[in-house]
Amino acid sequence: MTQRVILKELKNLTITERLTIIEAALQLIRKDLQQVEQPFVPTERRQQLAAAAAALLPDYSGGGELTIFTVLDGENFHV
């Protein structure tokens, strides 16, 4: 169904029916936006952070300072 057809059909409905449809559409949009804003459930996010920490573990457990990262200090990171 195209937008034009939907709008044409809405004209045939009562105001109450139109409001009901609009409310339902807004609920669908809100649900979609929540999924976009929060793509990870807490468990998935925790697993992702744990994997990132495990990947960096050798850098931290080797002892000494983490001077390898100071190479980037002089880089211009402004775009």
Protein backbone atom coordinates (compact mmCIF):
# COMPACT_ATOMS: atom_id res chain seq x y z
CA MET A 1 0.00 0.00 0.00
CA THR A 2 1.44 3.37 -0.97
CA GLN A 3 1.43 6.54 1.08
CA ARG A 4 -1.05 8.11 -1.34
CA VAL A 5 -3.49 5.20 -0.94
CA ILE A 6 -3.17 5.28 2.85
CA LEU A 7 -3.86 9.01 3.01
CA LYS A 8 -6.84 8.62 0.67
CA GLU A 9 -8.28 5.86 2.86
CA LEU A 10 -7.73 7.90 6.03
CA LYS A 11 -10.10 10.52 4.66
CA ASN A 12 -12.87 7.91 4.73
CA LEU A 13 -12.41 7.22 8.46
CA THR A 14 -13.82 9.03 11.45
CA ILE A 15 -11.59 11.23 13.57
CA THR A 16 -11.58 8.60 16.32
CA GLU A 17 -10.50 5.90 13.86
CA ARG A 18 -7.77 8.17 12.47
CA LEU A 19 -6.45 8.89 15.96
CA THR A 20 -6.38 5.20 16.78
CA ILE A 21 -4.33 4.50 13.66
CA ILE A 22 -1.98 7.41 14.36
CA GLU A 23 -1.41 6.20 17.93
CA ALA A 24 -0.63 2.70 16.70
CA ALA A 25 1.79 4.08 14.09
CA LEU A 26 3.54 6.21 16.72
CA GLN A 27 3.94 3.19 18.98
CA LEU A 28 5.59 1.29 16.12
CA ILE A 29 7.94 4.21 15.46
CA ARG A 30 8.86 4.49 19.14
CA LYS A 31 9.61 0.78 19.28
CA ASP A 32 11.82 1.02 16.19
CA LEU A 33 13.67 4.03 17.60
CA GLN A 34 14.34 2.24 20.88
CA GLN A 35 15.89 -0.66 19.00
CA VAL A 36 18.11 1.71 17.03
CA GLU A 37 19.21 3.62 20.13
CA GLN A 38 19.88 0.47 22.16
CA PRO A 39 21.04 -2.21 19.74
CA PHE A 40 22.60 -4.34 22.49
CA VAL A 41 20.82 -5.88 25.40
CA PRO A 42 22.87 -5.57 28.62
CA THR A 43 24.16 -9.15 28.35
CA GLU A 44 25.40 -8.64 24.79
CA ARG A 45 27.01 -5.33 25.75
CA ARG A 46 28.76 -6.96 28.71
CA GLN A 47 30.07 -9.75 26.44
CA GLN A 48 31.32 -7.19 23.94
CA LEU A 49 33.18 -5.26 26.66
CA ALA A 50 34.65 -8.49 28.07
CA ALA A 51 35.97 -9.45 24.63
CA ALA A 52 37.55 -6.01 24.20
CA ALA A 53 39.17 -6.25 27.65
CA ALA A 54 40.50 -9.74 26.86
CA ALA A 55 42.02 -8.43 23.61
CA LEU A 56 43.93 -5.74 25.56
CA LEU A 57 45.00 -8.01 28.41
CA PRO A 58 48.44 -8.81 26.93
CA ASP A 59 49.23 -5.09 26.74
CA TYR A 60 48.48 -4.61 30.41
CA SER A 61 49.86 -7.85 31.84
CA GLY A 62 53.31 -7.55 30.24
CA GLY A 63 54.47 -5.21 32.99
CA GLY A 64 56.06 -1.84 32.58
CA GLU A 65 54.41 1.20 31.11
CA LEU A 66 52.01 1.34 28.25
CA THR A 67 54.25 3.61 26.22
CA ILE A 68 53.24 1.98 22.95
CA PHE A 69 50.15 4.16 22.94
CA THR A 70 52.16 7.40 23.30
CA VAL A 71 53.15 7.14 19.65
CA LEU A 72 49.78 8.66 18.85
CA ASP A 73 50.28 11.67 21.11
CA GLY A 74 51.55 13.87 18.32
CA GLU A 75 48.83 12.91 15.86
CA ASN A 76 46.27 15.52 14.88
CA PHE A 77 42.92 13.82 15.39
CA HIS A 78 40.71 16.80 14.61
CA VAL A 79 38.84 16.32 11.39
